[in-house]
Amino acid sequence: MMTTRNISRFWEWGRKIICVGRNYADHAKELNNPVPTEPVLFLKPPSAYVTQGSPILVPSYCRDLHHEVELGVVIGRGGTDIPQGSAMDHVAGYALCLDMTARDVQDVCKSKGLPWTLAKAFNTSCPVSEFIPRERIPDPGNVTLWLKVNDQMRQKGCTDQMVFSVPHLISYISGIITLEEGDLILTGTPRGVSAVQEHDELQAGIQDVVTMSFKVNRKKHQ
């Protein structure tokens, strides 16, 4: 069924952001986590979205905010129990994304066995680039992602290092959570995550496809 909604502005109306943790073995190891045998999932609300021109805001309760650059998959056709063989038929396109993480808060949550919501779901925790039509990334399993902080390269990795492929993730997630048009899947981050400070400038890109930049500000106390 055709829709009147504009998929290229998915962040304005998409209903959920489904994130995959520890999907690059080197990143799992750098945080002393085991490499998963099935996808690790968590959610961000749509209020986490922020687009270029607006700042990333450090939550008032965070003292150690980390960047995680990721390939985002934008769902164009929803479904439940989607087979891997047809999973890519459900992809409208992609976006370059950051999974901003309050690492100090996450460490406390992990130590107490609590959910990661405070660490992952705050406002501006999901910066996104412009929409990338799927034909511009013919193979999402072989693109290079990079991120610089104040012009210094911090992260650079290829999606061929992902533990679980995009079709695998779409199939697995849709067996648990029905995927809907406009949903975003964050596919994990390569190694090299590090802290950012107020006034830092983050630049990120998918090689030969897209770049974006964001300033970091601290959320003002009310």
N, C-alpha and C. Protein backbone atom coordinates (compact mmCIF):
# COMPACT_ATOMS: atom_id res chain seq x y z
N MET A 1 0.85 -1.19 0.00
CA MET A 1 0.00 0.00 0.00
C MET A 1 0.89 1.25 0.00
N MET A 2 0.61 2.16 -0.88
CA MET A 2 1.38 3.41 -0.92
C MET A 2 0.95 4.31 0.24
N THR A 3 1.89 5.09 0.69
CA THR A 3 1.61 5.95 1.84
C THR A 3 1.83 7.41 1.44
N THR A 4 1.20 8.30 2.15
CA THR A 4 1.42 9.73 1.90
C THR A 4 2.56 10.25 2.76
N ARG A 5 3.04 9.41 3.68
CA ARG A 5 4.12 9.86 4.56
C ARG A 5 5.44 9.85 3.80
N ASN A 6 6.30 10.77 4.14
CA ASN A 6 7.56 10.95 3.43
C ASN A 6 8.65 10.16 4.16
N ILE A 7 9.06 9.04 3.57
CA ILE A 7 10.05 8.17 4.23
C ILE A 7 11.38 8.89 4.42
N SER A 8 11.66 9.89 3.59
CA SER A 8 12.94 10.60 3.71
C SER A 8 12.98 11.49 4.95
N ARG A 9 11.84 11.63 5.62
CA ARG A 9 11.81 12.33 6.92
C ARG A 9 11.25 11.40 7.99
N PHE A 10 11.77 10.17 7.97
CA PHE A 10 11.28 9.11 8.86
C PHE A 10 11.34 9.51 10.33
N TRP A 11 12.30 10.36 10.70
CA TRP A 11 12.47 10.74 12.11
C TRP A 11 11.31 11.58 12.63
N GLU A 12 10.52 12.14 11.74
CA GLU A 12 9.38 12.97 12.17
C GLU A 12 8.17 12.13 12.57
N TRP A 13 8.08 10.89 12.05
CA TRP A 13 6.87 10.10 12.31
C TRP A 13 7.12 8.63 12.60
N GLY A 14 8.34 8.16 12.40
CA GLY A 14 8.64 6.76 12.72
C GLY A 14 8.39 6.49 14.20
N ARG A 15 7.91 5.29 14.52
CA ARG A 15 7.41 5.02 15.86
C ARG A 15 8.44 4.40 16.81
N LYS A 16 9.50 3.81 16.27
CA LYS A 16 10.46 3.23 17.20
C LYS A 16 11.85 3.12 16.60
N ILE A 17 12.82 3.06 17.50
CA ILE A 17 14.24 2.89 17.16
C ILE A 17 14.69 1.64 17.90
N ILE A 18 15.07 0.62 17.13
CA ILE A 18 15.48 -0.66 17.72
C ILE A 18 16.99 -0.77 17.54
N CYS A 19 17.70 -0.87 18.65
CA CYS A 19 19.16 -0.83 18.63
C CYS A 19 19.73 -2.21 18.92
N VAL A 20 20.85 -2.51 18.26
CA VAL A 20 21.53 -3.79 18.44
C VAL A 20 22.86 -3.52 19.13
N GLY A 21 23.04 -4.10 20.30
CA GLY A 21 24.27 -3.93 21.06
C GLY A 21 25.30 -4.99 20.72
N ARG A 22 26.57 -4.64 20.84
CA ARG A 22 27.67 -5.60 20.75
C ARG A 22 27.67 -6.37 19.43
N ASN A 23 27.35 -5.68 18.33
CA ASN A 23 27.28 -6.37 17.04
C ASN A 23 28.59 -6.32 16.27
N TYR A 24 29.63 -5.75 16.88
CA TYR A 24 30.99 -5.84 16.32
C TYR A 24 31.84 -6.47 17.42
N ALA A 25 32.53 -7.57 17.10
CA ALA A 25 33.27 -8.30 18.13
C ALA A 25 34.30 -7.43 18.82
N ASP A 26 35.01 -6.58 18.05
CA ASP A 26 36.07 -5.75 18.65
C ASP A 26 35.50 -4.75 19.64
N HIS A 27 34.28 -4.24 19.36
CA HIS A 27 33.66 -3.30 20.29
C HIS A 27 33.21 -4.02 21.56
N ALA A 28 32.64 -5.22 21.42
CA ALA A 28 32.26 -5.99 22.61
C ALA A 28 33.48 -6.19 23.51
N LYS A 29 34.60 -6.53 22.88
CA LYS A 29 35.82 -6.81 23.66
C LYS A 29 36.36 -5.55 24.33
N GLU A 30 36.27 -4.39 23.65
CA GLU A 30 36.84 -3.18 24.25
C GLU A 30 36.08 -2.76 25.50
N LEU A 31 34.82 -3.20 25.63
CA LEU A 31 34.05 -2.91 26.83
C LEU A 31 33.95 -4.14 27.74
N ASN A 32 34.82 -5.13 27.48
CA ASN A 32 34.89 -6.34 28.30
C ASN A 32 33.56 -7.09 28.35
N ASN A 33 32.87 -7.11 27.21
CA ASN A 33 31.63 -7.88 27.09
C ASN A 33 31.87 -9.10 26.21
N PRO A 34 31.18 -10.21 26.48
CA PRO A 34 31.30 -11.36 25.59
C PRO A 34 30.69 -11.06 24.23
N VAL A 35 31.20 -11.70 23.18
CA VAL A 35 30.60 -11.57 21.85
C VAL A 35 29.29 -12.36 21.86
N PRO A 36 28.16 -11.72 21.51
CA PRO A 36 26.87 -12.39 21.67
C PRO A 36 26.66 -13.53 20.68
N THR A 37 25.86 -14.50 21.10
CA THR A 37 25.47 -15.60 20.21
C THR A 37 24.11 -15.35 19.58
N GLU A 38 23.37 -14.38 20.09
CA GLU A 38 22.17 -13.88 19.42
C GLU A 38 22.10 -12.38 19.66
N PRO A 39 21.38 -11.63 18.82
CA PRO A 39 21.41 -10.17 18.93
C PRO A 39 20.96 -9.67 20.31
N VAL A 40 21.67 -8.64 20.80
CA VAL A 40 21.32 -7.93 22.03
C VAL A 40 20.51 -6.70 21.62
N LEU A 41 19.27 -6.60 22.08
CA LEU A 41 18.38 -5.52 21.64
C LEU A 41 18.04 -4.57 22.78
N PHE A 42 17.92 -3.29 22.44
CA PHE A 42 17.34 -2.30 23.34
C PHE A 42 16.64 -1.26 22.48
N LEU A 43 15.86 -0.40 23.12
CA LEU A 43 15.03 0.56 22.38
C LEU A 43 15.40 2.00 22.74
N LYS A 44 15.19 2.88 21.77
CA LYS A 44 15.17 4.32 22.02
C LYS A 44 13.80 4.82 21.56
N PRO A 45 13.26 5.85 22.23
CA PRO A 45 12.00 6.43 21.77
C PRO A 45 12.25 7.40 20.62
N PRO A 46 11.21 7.73 19.84
CA PRO A 46 11.40 8.69 18.76
C PRO A 46 11.88 10.06 19.24
N SER A 47 11.62 10.39 20.51
CA SER A 47 12.10 11.67 21.05
C SER A 47 13.63 11.72 21.16
N ALA A 48 14.31 10.59 20.92
CA ALA A 48 15.77 10.57 20.92
C ALA A 48 16.36 11.17 19.65
N TYR A 49 15.55 11.29 18.58
CA TYR A 49 16.07 11.80 17.31
C TYR A 49 16.55 13.24 17.41
N VAL A 50 17.65 13.52 16.74
CA VAL A 50 18.09 14.90 16.53
C VAL A 50 18.76 14.95 15.16
N THR A 51 18.52 16.02 14.41
CA THR A 51 19.10 16.15 13.08
C THR A 51 20.10 17.30 13.05
N GLN A 52 20.92 17.29 12.00
CA GLN A 52 22.00 18.26 11.88
C GLN A 52 21.45 19.69 11.98
N GLY A 53 22.16 20.52 12.74
CA GLY A 53 21.70 21.88 12.99
C GLY A 53 21.25 22.07 14.42
N SER A 54 20.89 20.98 15.08
CA SER A 54 20.56 21.01 16.50
C SER A 54 21.66 20.26 17.26
N PRO A 55 21.91 20.63 18.53
CA PRO A 55 23.01 20.03 19.26
C PRO A 55 22.64 18.72 19.94
N ILE A 56 23.66 17.92 20.21
CA ILE A 56 23.55 16.78 21.13
C ILE A 56 23.65 17.36 22.54
N LEU A 57 22.70 17.01 23.40
CA LEU A 57 22.68 17.54 24.76
C LEU A 57 23.10 16.45 25.75
N VAL A 58 24.14 16.74 26.53
CA VAL A 58 24.57 15.82 27.57
C VAL A 58 23.53 15.85 28.69
N PRO A 59 22.98 14.70 29.09
CA PRO A 59 22.00 14.73 30.18
C PRO A 59 22.63 15.27 31.47
N SER A 60 21.80 15.89 32.29
CA SER A 60 22.32 16.51 33.52
C SER A 60 22.95 15.48 34.45
N TYR A 61 22.52 14.22 34.36
CA TYR A 61 23.01 13.18 35.28
C TYR A 61 24.22 12.42 34.73
N CYS A 62 24.72 12.83 33.57
CA CYS A 62 25.82 12.09 32.92
C CYS A 62 27.13 12.85 33.02
N ARG A 63 28.19 12.12 33.36
CA ARG A 63 29.54 12.69 33.40
C ARG A 63 30.49 12.03 32.39
N ASP A 64 29.97 11.07 31.62
CA ASP A 64 30.84 10.32 30.70
C ASP A 64 30.02 9.89 29.49
N LEU A 65 29.80 10.85 28.56
CA LEU A 65 29.00 10.60 27.35
C LEU A 65 29.89 10.08 26.24
N HIS A 66 29.51 8.94 25.66
CA HIS A 66 30.30 8.33 24.58
C HIS A 66 29.55 8.39 23.25
N HIS A 67 30.32 8.47 22.18
CA HIS A 67 29.79 8.36 20.82
C HIS A 67 29.88 6.91 20.34
N GLU A 68 28.89 6.50 19.55
CA GLU A 68 28.93 5.20 18.86
C GLU A 68 28.35 5.43 17.47
N VAL A 69 29.18 5.34 16.43
CA VAL A 69 28.72 5.58 15.07
C VAL A 69 28.15 4.27 14.51
N GLU A 70 27.00 4.37 13.81
CA GLU A 70 26.31 3.16 13.38
C GLU A 70 25.63 3.36 12.02
N LEU A 71 25.48 2.27 11.30
CA LEU A 71 24.62 2.25 10.12
C LEU A 71 23.19 2.02 10.57
N GLY A 72 22.29 2.92 10.20
CA GLY A 72 20.87 2.76 10.51
C GLY A 72 20.13 2.24 9.30
N VAL A 73 19.22 1.31 9.52
CA VAL A 73 18.40 0.73 8.46
C VAL A 73 16.98 1.25 8.63
N VAL A 74 16.45 1.91 7.60
CA VAL A 74 15.11 2.48 7.64
C VAL A 74 14.14 1.51 6.98
N ILE A 75 13.12 1.11 7.75
CA ILE A 75 12.15 0.14 7.25
C ILE A 75 11.11 0.84 6.38
N GLY A 76 10.89 0.29 5.17
CA GLY A 76 9.92 0.86 4.25
C GLY A 76 8.63 0.07 4.17
N ARG A 77 8.73 -1.22 4.51
CA ARG A 77 7.54 -2.07 4.50
C ARG A 77 7.58 -2.91 5.76
N GLY A 78 6.53 -2.83 6.55
CA GLY A 78 6.50 -3.52 7.83
C GLY A 78 6.31 -5.01 7.68
N GLY A 79 6.37 -5.70 8.82
CA GLY A 79 6.14 -7.14 8.79
C GLY A 79 6.48 -7.80 10.11
N THR A 80 5.94 -9.00 10.27
CA THR A 80 6.22 -9.85 11.43
C THR A 80 6.80 -11.16 10.91
N ASP A 81 7.76 -11.73 11.64
CA ASP A 81 8.38 -13.01 11.23
C ASP A 81 8.87 -12.96 9.78
N ILE A 82 9.60 -11.93 9.45
CA ILE A 82 10.12 -11.75 8.08
C ILE A 82 11.25 -12.75 7.84
N PRO A 83 11.19 -13.55 6.78
CA PRO A 83 12.30 -14.48 6.50
C PRO A 83 13.56 -13.72 6.06
N GLN A 84 14.72 -14.28 6.42
CA GLN A 84 15.97 -13.62 6.02
C GLN A 84 16.04 -13.45 4.51
N GLY A 85 15.53 -14.41 3.78
CA GLY A 85 15.65 -14.38 2.31
C GLY A 85 14.93 -13.22 1.67
N SER A 86 13.91 -12.69 2.34
CA SER A 86 13.18 -11.55 1.76
C SER A 86 13.32 -10.29 2.61
N ALA A 87 14.22 -10.32 3.59
CA ALA A 87 14.33 -9.20 4.54
C ALA A 87 14.66 -7.89 3.84
N MET A 88 15.53 -7.93 2.84
CA MET A 88 15.95 -6.68 2.20
C MET A 88 14.82 -6.02 1.42
N ASP A 89 13.76 -6.77 1.09
CA ASP A 89 12.60 -6.17 0.42
C ASP A 89 11.88 -5.18 1.34
N HIS A 90 12.15 -5.25 2.64
CA HIS A 90 11.49 -4.39 3.61
C HIS A 90 12.28 -3.11 3.90
N VAL A 91 13.46 -2.97 3.28
CA VAL A 91 14.34 -1.82 3.53
C VAL A 91 14.04 -0.70 2.54
N ALA A 92 13.73 0.50 3.07
CA ALA A 92 13.53 1.67 2.21
C ALA A 92 14.86 2.36 1.92
N GLY A 93 15.75 2.34 2.91
CA GLY A 93 17.03 3.02 2.78
C GLY A 93 17.78 2.98 4.09
N TYR A 94 18.67 3.93 4.24
CA TYR A 94 19.59 3.92 5.38
C TYR A 94 19.77 5.32 5.93
N ALA A 95 20.43 5.40 7.07
CA ALA A 95 20.86 6.68 7.64
C ALA A 95 22.12 6.43 8.43
N LEU A 96 23.00 7.40 8.45
CA LEU A 96 24.13 7.36 9.37
C LEU A 96 23.62 7.83 10.71
N CYS A 97 23.94 7.11 11.77
CA CYS A 97 23.37 7.40 13.09
C CYS A 97 24.45 7.37 14.16
N LEU A 98 24.19 8.08 15.24
CA LEU A 98 25.01 7.97 16.44
C LEU A 98 24.13 7.43 17.57
N ASP A 99 24.66 6.46 18.28
CA ASP A 99 24.02 5.97 19.50
C ASP A 99 24.78 6.60 20.66
N MET A 100 24.31 7.77 21.10
CA MET A 100 24.98 8.45 22.21
C MET A 100 24.63 7.72 23.51
N THR A 101 25.67 7.47 24.30
CA THR A 101 25.52 6.58 25.46
C THR A 101 26.11 7.23 26.71
N ALA A 102 25.30 7.34 27.75
CA ALA A 102 25.80 7.80 29.06
C ALA A 102 26.52 6.61 29.70
N ARG A 103 27.83 6.50 29.41
CA ARG A 103 28.56 5.28 29.76
C ARG A 103 28.64 5.06 31.27
N ASP A 104 28.80 6.14 32.03
CA ASP A 104 28.87 5.98 33.49
C ASP A 104 27.56 5.44 34.02
N VAL A 105 26.45 5.92 33.48
CA VAL A 105 25.14 5.46 33.90
C VAL A 105 24.92 4.01 33.46
N GLN A 106 25.35 3.69 32.25
CA GLN A 106 25.20 2.32 31.75
C GLN A 106 25.97 1.34 32.64
N ASP A 107 27.18 1.73 33.04
CA ASP A 107 27.98 0.84 33.90
C ASP A 107 27.27 0.55 35.22
N VAL A 108 26.65 1.59 35.79
CA VAL A 108 25.89 1.39 37.04
C VAL A 108 24.69 0.47 36.79
N CYS A 109 23.96 0.72 35.70
CA CYS A 109 22.81 -0.13 35.36
C CYS A 109 23.23 -1.58 35.19
N LYS A 110 24.34 -1.78 34.48
CA LYS A 110 24.81 -3.16 34.26
C LYS A 110 25.18 -3.83 35.57
N SER A 111 25.84 -3.09 36.45
CA SER A 111 26.28 -3.67 37.72
C SER A 111 25.10 -4.06 38.61
N LYS A 112 23.98 -3.35 38.44
CA LYS A 112 22.78 -3.63 39.25
C LYS A 112 21.79 -4.54 38.53
N GLY A 113 22.12 -4.93 37.30
CA GLY A 113 21.20 -5.75 36.53
C GLY A 113 19.96 -5.00 36.09
N LEU A 114 20.07 -3.68 35.92
CA LEU A 114 18.93 -2.85 35.53
C LEU A 114 18.93 -2.57 34.04
N PRO A 115 17.78 -2.20 33.47
CA PRO A 115 17.73 -1.82 32.05
C PRO A 115 18.63 -0.60 31.77
N TRP A 116 18.94 -0.42 30.48
CA TRP A 116 19.86 0.65 30.05
C TRP A 116 19.13 1.94 29.69
N THR A 117 17.86 2.08 30.00
CA THR A 117 17.06 3.19 29.48
C THR A 117 17.68 4.55 29.78
N LEU A 118 18.10 4.79 31.02
CA LEU A 118 18.69 6.09 31.37
C LEU A 118 19.95 6.37 30.57
N ALA A 119 20.67 5.34 30.21
CA ALA A 119 21.95 5.50 29.50
C ALA A 119 21.78 5.69 28.00
N LYS A 120 20.65 5.25 27.46
CA LYS A 120 20.53 5.14 26.01
C LYS A 120 19.36 5.91 25.39
N ALA A 121 18.34 6.25 26.19
CA ALA A 121 17.07 6.69 25.60
C ALA A 121 16.76 8.17 25.81
N PHE A 122 17.71 8.92 26.35
CA PHE A 122 17.47 10.34 26.64
C PHE A 122 17.31 11.16 25.35
N ASN A 123 16.73 12.35 25.49
CA ASN A 123 16.56 13.25 24.34
C ASN A 123 17.91 13.52 23.68
N THR A 124 17.93 13.54 22.35
CA THR A 124 19.11 13.77 21.50
C THR A 124 20.11 12.62 21.53
N SER A 125 19.71 11.45 22.00
CA SER A 125 20.64 10.31 22.03
C SER A 125 20.73 9.58 20.70
N CYS A 126 19.96 10.03 19.69
CA CYS A 126 20.03 9.39 18.37
C CYS A 126 20.14 10.41 17.24
N PRO A 127 21.33 11.03 17.10
CA PRO A 127 21.56 11.90 15.94
C PRO A 127 21.49 11.09 14.63
N VAL A 128 20.86 11.66 13.61
CA VAL A 128 20.74 10.97 12.32
C VAL A 128 21.09 11.91 11.17
N SER A 129 21.60 11.30 10.11
CA SER A 129 21.89 12.04 8.88
C SER A 129 20.63 12.17 8.05
N GLU A 130 20.78 12.77 6.88
CA GLU A 130 19.71 12.73 5.89
C GLU A 130 19.43 11.27 5.51
N PHE A 131 18.25 11.02 4.98
CA PHE A 131 17.88 9.70 4.49
C PHE A 131 18.74 9.32 3.29
N ILE A 132 19.17 8.06 3.25
CA ILE A 132 20.00 7.56 2.14
C ILE A 132 19.18 6.50 1.39
N PRO A 133 18.76 6.77 0.15
CA PRO A 133 18.01 5.76 -0.60
C PRO A 133 18.81 4.47 -0.74
N ARG A 134 18.13 3.34 -0.73
CA ARG A 134 18.82 2.05 -0.67
C ARG A 134 19.77 1.81 -1.83
N GLU A 135 19.45 2.39 -3.00
CA GLU A 135 20.34 2.15 -4.16
C GLU A 135 21.72 2.79 -3.97
N ARG A 136 21.85 3.73 -3.03
CA ARG A 136 23.15 4.35 -2.79
C ARG A 136 24.05 3.46 -1.92
N ILE A 137 23.46 2.46 -1.28
CA ILE A 137 24.25 1.48 -0.52
C ILE A 137 23.83 0.09 -1.00
N PRO A 138 24.41 -0.37 -2.13
CA PRO A 138 23.98 -1.64 -2.69
C PRO A 138 24.25 -2.83 -1.76
N ASP A 139 25.30 -2.73 -0.93
CA ASP A 139 25.62 -3.82 0.00
C ASP A 139 25.86 -3.26 1.39
N PRO A 140 24.83 -3.29 2.26
CA PRO A 140 25.00 -2.73 3.61
C PRO A 140 26.00 -3.53 4.45
N GLY A 141 26.36 -4.71 3.98
CA GLY A 141 27.36 -5.52 4.69
C GLY A 141 28.79 -5.19 4.32
N ASN A 142 28.98 -4.09 3.55
CA ASN A 142 30.34 -3.73 3.15
C ASN A 142 30.45 -2.23 2.92
N VAL A 143 30.21 -1.44 3.96
CA VAL A 143 30.43 0.00 3.90
C VAL A 143 31.29 0.42 5.09
N THR A 144 32.07 1.46 4.89
CA THR A 144 32.98 1.94 5.93
C THR A 144 32.37 3.13 6.66
N LEU A 145 32.33 3.03 7.98
CA LEU A 145 31.83 4.09 8.85
C LEU A 145 33.02 4.75 9.54
N TRP A 146 32.93 6.07 9.74
CA TRP A 146 34.00 6.74 10.50
C TRP A 146 33.41 7.84 11.36
N LEU A 147 34.13 8.20 12.40
CA LEU A 147 33.73 9.30 13.28
C LEU A 147 34.97 10.02 13.79
N LYS A 148 34.92 11.35 13.73
CA LYS A 148 36.00 12.19 14.27
C LYS A 148 35.44 13.07 15.37
N VAL A 149 36.24 13.33 16.38
CA VAL A 149 35.92 14.32 17.41
C VAL A 149 36.96 15.43 17.28
N ASN A 150 36.51 16.65 17.00
CA ASN A 150 37.42 17.79 16.81
C ASN A 150 38.52 17.45 15.81
N ASP A 151 38.11 16.84 14.69
CA ASP A 151 39.00 16.49 13.57
C ASP A 151 39.96 15.34 13.87
N GLN A 152 39.83 14.69 15.00
CA GLN A 152 40.67 13.52 15.30
C GLN A 152 39.86 12.26 15.09
N MET A 153 40.38 11.33 14.27
CA MET A 153 39.67 10.09 13.99
C MET A 153 39.59 9.24 15.25
N ARG A 154 38.38 8.85 15.62
CA ARG A 154 38.18 8.00 16.79
C ARG A 154 37.67 6.61 16.40
N GLN A 155 36.75 6.57 15.45
CA GLN A 155 36.19 5.29 15.03
C GLN A 155 36.29 5.15 13.52
N LYS A 156 36.69 3.98 13.06
CA LYS A 156 36.64 3.66 11.63
C LYS A 156 36.52 2.15 11.52
N GLY A 157 35.48 1.70 10.86
CA GLY A 157 35.27 0.27 10.74
C GLY A 157 34.34 -0.04 9.59
N CYS A 158 34.38 -1.28 9.16
CA CYS A 158 33.54 -1.71 8.03
C CYS A 158 32.42 -2.61 8.54
N THR A 159 31.25 -2.46 7.93
CA THR A 159 30.11 -3.28 8.35
C THR A 159 30.32 -4.76 8.05
N ASP A 160 31.39 -5.12 7.32
CA ASP A 160 31.67 -6.55 7.14
C ASP A 160 32.16 -7.20 8.45
N GLN A 161 32.40 -6.37 9.47
CA GLN A 161 32.81 -6.88 10.78
C GLN A 161 31.61 -7.17 11.69
N MET A 162 30.39 -6.93 11.21
CA MET A 162 29.22 -7.15 12.05
C MET A 162 29.05 -8.64 12.34
N VAL A 163 28.66 -8.94 13.58
CA VAL A 163 28.41 -10.33 13.97
C VAL A 163 27.16 -10.85 13.27
N PHE A 164 26.10 -10.02 13.25
CA PHE A 164 24.84 -10.39 12.62
C PHE A 164 24.55 -9.43 11.48
N SER A 165 24.24 -9.97 10.31
CA SER A 165 24.01 -9.17 9.10
C SER A 165 22.68 -8.44 9.18
N VAL A 166 22.50 -7.48 8.28
CA VAL A 166 21.24 -6.73 8.22
C VAL A 166 20.04 -7.67 7.99
N PRO A 167 20.09 -8.60 7.01
CA PRO A 167 18.94 -9.50 6.85
C PRO A 167 18.67 -10.34 8.10
N HIS A 168 19.73 -10.80 8.76
CA HIS A 168 19.57 -11.58 10.00
C HIS A 168 18.87 -10.74 11.06
N LEU A 169 19.30 -9.48 11.21
CA LEU A 169 18.71 -8.61 12.23
C LEU A 169 17.23 -8.33 11.95
N ILE A 170 16.90 -8.04 10.69
CA ILE A 170 15.51 -7.76 10.34
C ILE A 170 14.64 -8.98 10.66
N SER A 171 15.11 -10.16 10.29
CA SER A 171 14.35 -11.38 10.53
C SER A 171 14.20 -11.64 12.03
N TYR A 172 15.30 -11.51 12.76
CA TYR A 172 15.28 -11.79 14.21
C TYR A 172 14.37 -10.80 14.95
N ILE A 173 14.56 -9.51 14.67
CA ILE A 173 13.77 -8.48 15.37
C ILE A 173 12.29 -8.65 15.06
N SER A 174 11.95 -8.89 13.79
CA SER A 174 10.54 -8.96 13.40
C SER A 174 9.83 -10.18 13.98
N GLY A 175 10.60 -11.16 14.44
CA GLY A 175 10.01 -12.30 15.13
C GLY A 175 9.60 -11.98 16.56
N ILE A 176 10.10 -10.84 17.08
CA ILE A 176 9.83 -10.43 18.47
C ILE A 176 8.97 -9.17 18.49
N ILE A 177 9.36 -8.20 17.66
CA ILE A 177 8.71 -6.89 17.59
C ILE A 177 8.30 -6.67 16.14
N THR A 178 7.03 -6.51 15.88
CA THR A 178 6.59 -6.21 14.52
C THR A 178 7.27 -4.94 14.02
N LEU A 179 7.88 -5.02 12.85
CA LEU A 179 8.49 -3.84 12.25
C LEU A 179 7.43 -3.07 11.47
N GLU A 180 7.52 -1.75 11.54
CA GLU A 180 6.56 -0.87 10.87
C GLU A 180 7.30 0.11 9.98
N GLU A 181 6.62 0.59 8.97
CA GLU A 181 7.19 1.60 8.09
C GLU A 181 7.70 2.78 8.93
N GLY A 182 8.89 3.24 8.63
CA GLY A 182 9.47 4.37 9.35
C GLY A 182 10.30 3.98 10.55
N ASP A 183 10.26 2.70 10.95
CA ASP A 183 11.12 2.26 12.06
C ASP A 183 12.58 2.32 11.63
N LEU A 184 13.45 2.48 12.62
CA LEU A 184 14.90 2.53 12.38
C LEU A 184 15.56 1.43 13.19
N ILE A 185 16.45 0.68 12.54
CA ILE A 185 17.28 -0.30 13.24
C ILE A 185 18.71 0.22 13.26
N LEU A 186 19.27 0.35 14.46
CA LEU A 186 20.69 0.69 14.61
C LEU A 186 21.47 -0.61 14.72
N THR A 187 22.48 -0.78 13.86
CA THR A 187 23.07 -2.10 13.66
C THR A 187 24.35 -2.35 14.46
N GLY A 188 24.69 -1.46 15.40
CA GLY A 188 25.89 -1.67 16.20
C GLY A 188 27.04 -0.78 15.77
N THR A 189 28.06 -0.73 16.61
CA THR A 189 29.18 0.21 16.38
C THR A 189 30.51 -0.51 16.36
N PRO A 190 31.44 -0.07 15.50
CA PRO A 190 32.80 -0.62 15.54
C PRO A 190 33.57 -0.10 16.76
N ARG A 191 34.75 -0.65 16.96
CA ARG A 191 35.56 -0.27 18.12
C ARG A 191 35.99 1.19 18.02
N GLY A 192 36.45 1.73 19.17
CA GLY A 192 36.98 3.09 19.20
C GLY A 192 36.06 4.09 19.87
N VAL A 193 35.02 3.61 20.55
CA VAL A 193 34.13 4.54 21.25
C VAL A 193 34.93 5.29 22.32
N SER A 194 34.56 6.55 22.53
CA SER A 194 35.28 7.35 23.53
C SER A 194 34.40 8.49 23.99
N ALA A 195 34.86 9.19 25.01
CA ALA A 195 34.07 10.24 25.63
C ALA A 195 34.10 11.53 24.82
N VAL A 196 33.00 12.28 24.90
CA VAL A 196 32.94 13.62 24.32
C VAL A 196 32.60 14.61 25.43
N GLN A 197 33.03 15.84 25.20
CA GLN A 197 32.84 16.91 26.19
C GLN A 197 31.98 18.02 25.58
N GLU A 198 31.44 18.83 26.45
CA GLU A 198 30.71 20.01 26.00
C GLU A 198 31.59 20.83 25.05
N HIS A 199 31.00 21.33 23.99
CA HIS A 199 31.64 22.15 22.94
C HIS A 199 32.41 21.31 21.91
N ASP A 200 32.51 20.00 22.09
CA ASP A 200 33.16 19.17 21.06
C ASP A 200 32.34 19.21 19.77
N GLU A 201 33.04 19.00 18.67
CA GLU A 201 32.41 18.89 17.35
C GLU A 201 32.58 17.45 16.88
N LEU A 202 31.47 16.78 16.60
CA LEU A 202 31.50 15.42 16.08
C LEU A 202 31.22 15.46 14.59
N GLN A 203 32.09 14.80 13.83
CA GLN A 203 31.86 14.63 12.40
C GLN A 203 31.85 13.13 12.14
N ALA A 204 30.92 12.68 11.31
CA ALA A 204 30.82 11.26 11.01
C ALA A 204 30.46 11.08 9.55
N GLY A 205 30.75 9.90 9.03
CA GLY A 205 30.45 9.66 7.63
C GLY A 205 30.36 8.18 7.30
N ILE A 206 29.67 7.94 6.18
CA ILE A 206 29.75 6.66 5.48
C ILE A 206 30.55 6.95 4.23
N GLN A 207 31.66 6.26 4.08
CA GLN A 207 32.61 6.59 3.00
C GLN A 207 31.91 6.68 1.65
N ASP A 208 32.12 7.80 0.96
CA ASP A 208 31.60 8.07 -0.38
C ASP A 208 30.08 8.22 -0.45
N VAL A 209 29.39 8.29 0.71
CA VAL A 209 27.93 8.36 0.68
C VAL A 209 27.39 9.59 1.38
N VAL A 210 27.77 9.82 2.65
CA VAL A 210 27.17 10.91 3.43
C VAL A 210 28.12 11.33 4.55
N THR A 211 28.02 12.60 4.95
CA THR A 211 28.71 13.06 6.16
C THR A 211 27.72 13.90 6.97
N MET A 212 28.02 14.06 8.24
CA MET A 212 27.19 14.91 9.11
C MET A 212 28.07 15.43 10.24
N SER A 213 27.61 16.50 10.89
CA SER A 213 28.35 17.03 12.04
C SER A 213 27.38 17.55 13.09
N PHE A 214 27.79 17.40 14.34
CA PHE A 214 26.98 17.82 15.48
C PHE A 214 27.88 18.44 16.54
N LYS A 215 27.37 19.47 17.20
CA LYS A 215 28.03 20.06 18.36
C LYS A 215 27.45 19.42 19.63
N VAL A 216 28.28 19.32 20.66
CA VAL A 216 27.85 18.80 21.95
C VAL A 216 27.64 19.96 22.91
N ASN A 217 26.46 20.05 23.50
CA ASN A 217 26.16 21.03 24.55
C ASN A 217 25.71 20.29 25.80
N ARG A 218 25.75 20.96 26.93
CA ARG A 218 25.24 20.34 28.15
C ARG A 218 23.83 20.83 28.40
N LYS A 219 22.96 19.89 28.75
CA LYS A 219 21.57 20.27 29.05
C LYS A 219 21.55 21.18 30.25
N LYS A 220 20.86 22.29 30.10
CA LYS A 220 20.80 23.27 31.19
C LYS A 220 19.82 22.79 32.27
N HIS A 221 20.18 23.03 33.52
CA HIS A 221 19.27 22.71 34.62
C HIS A 221 18.05 23.63 34.56
N GLN A 222 16.88 23.06 34.80
CA GLN A 222 15.66 23.88 34.84
C GLN A 222 15.62 24.67 36.15
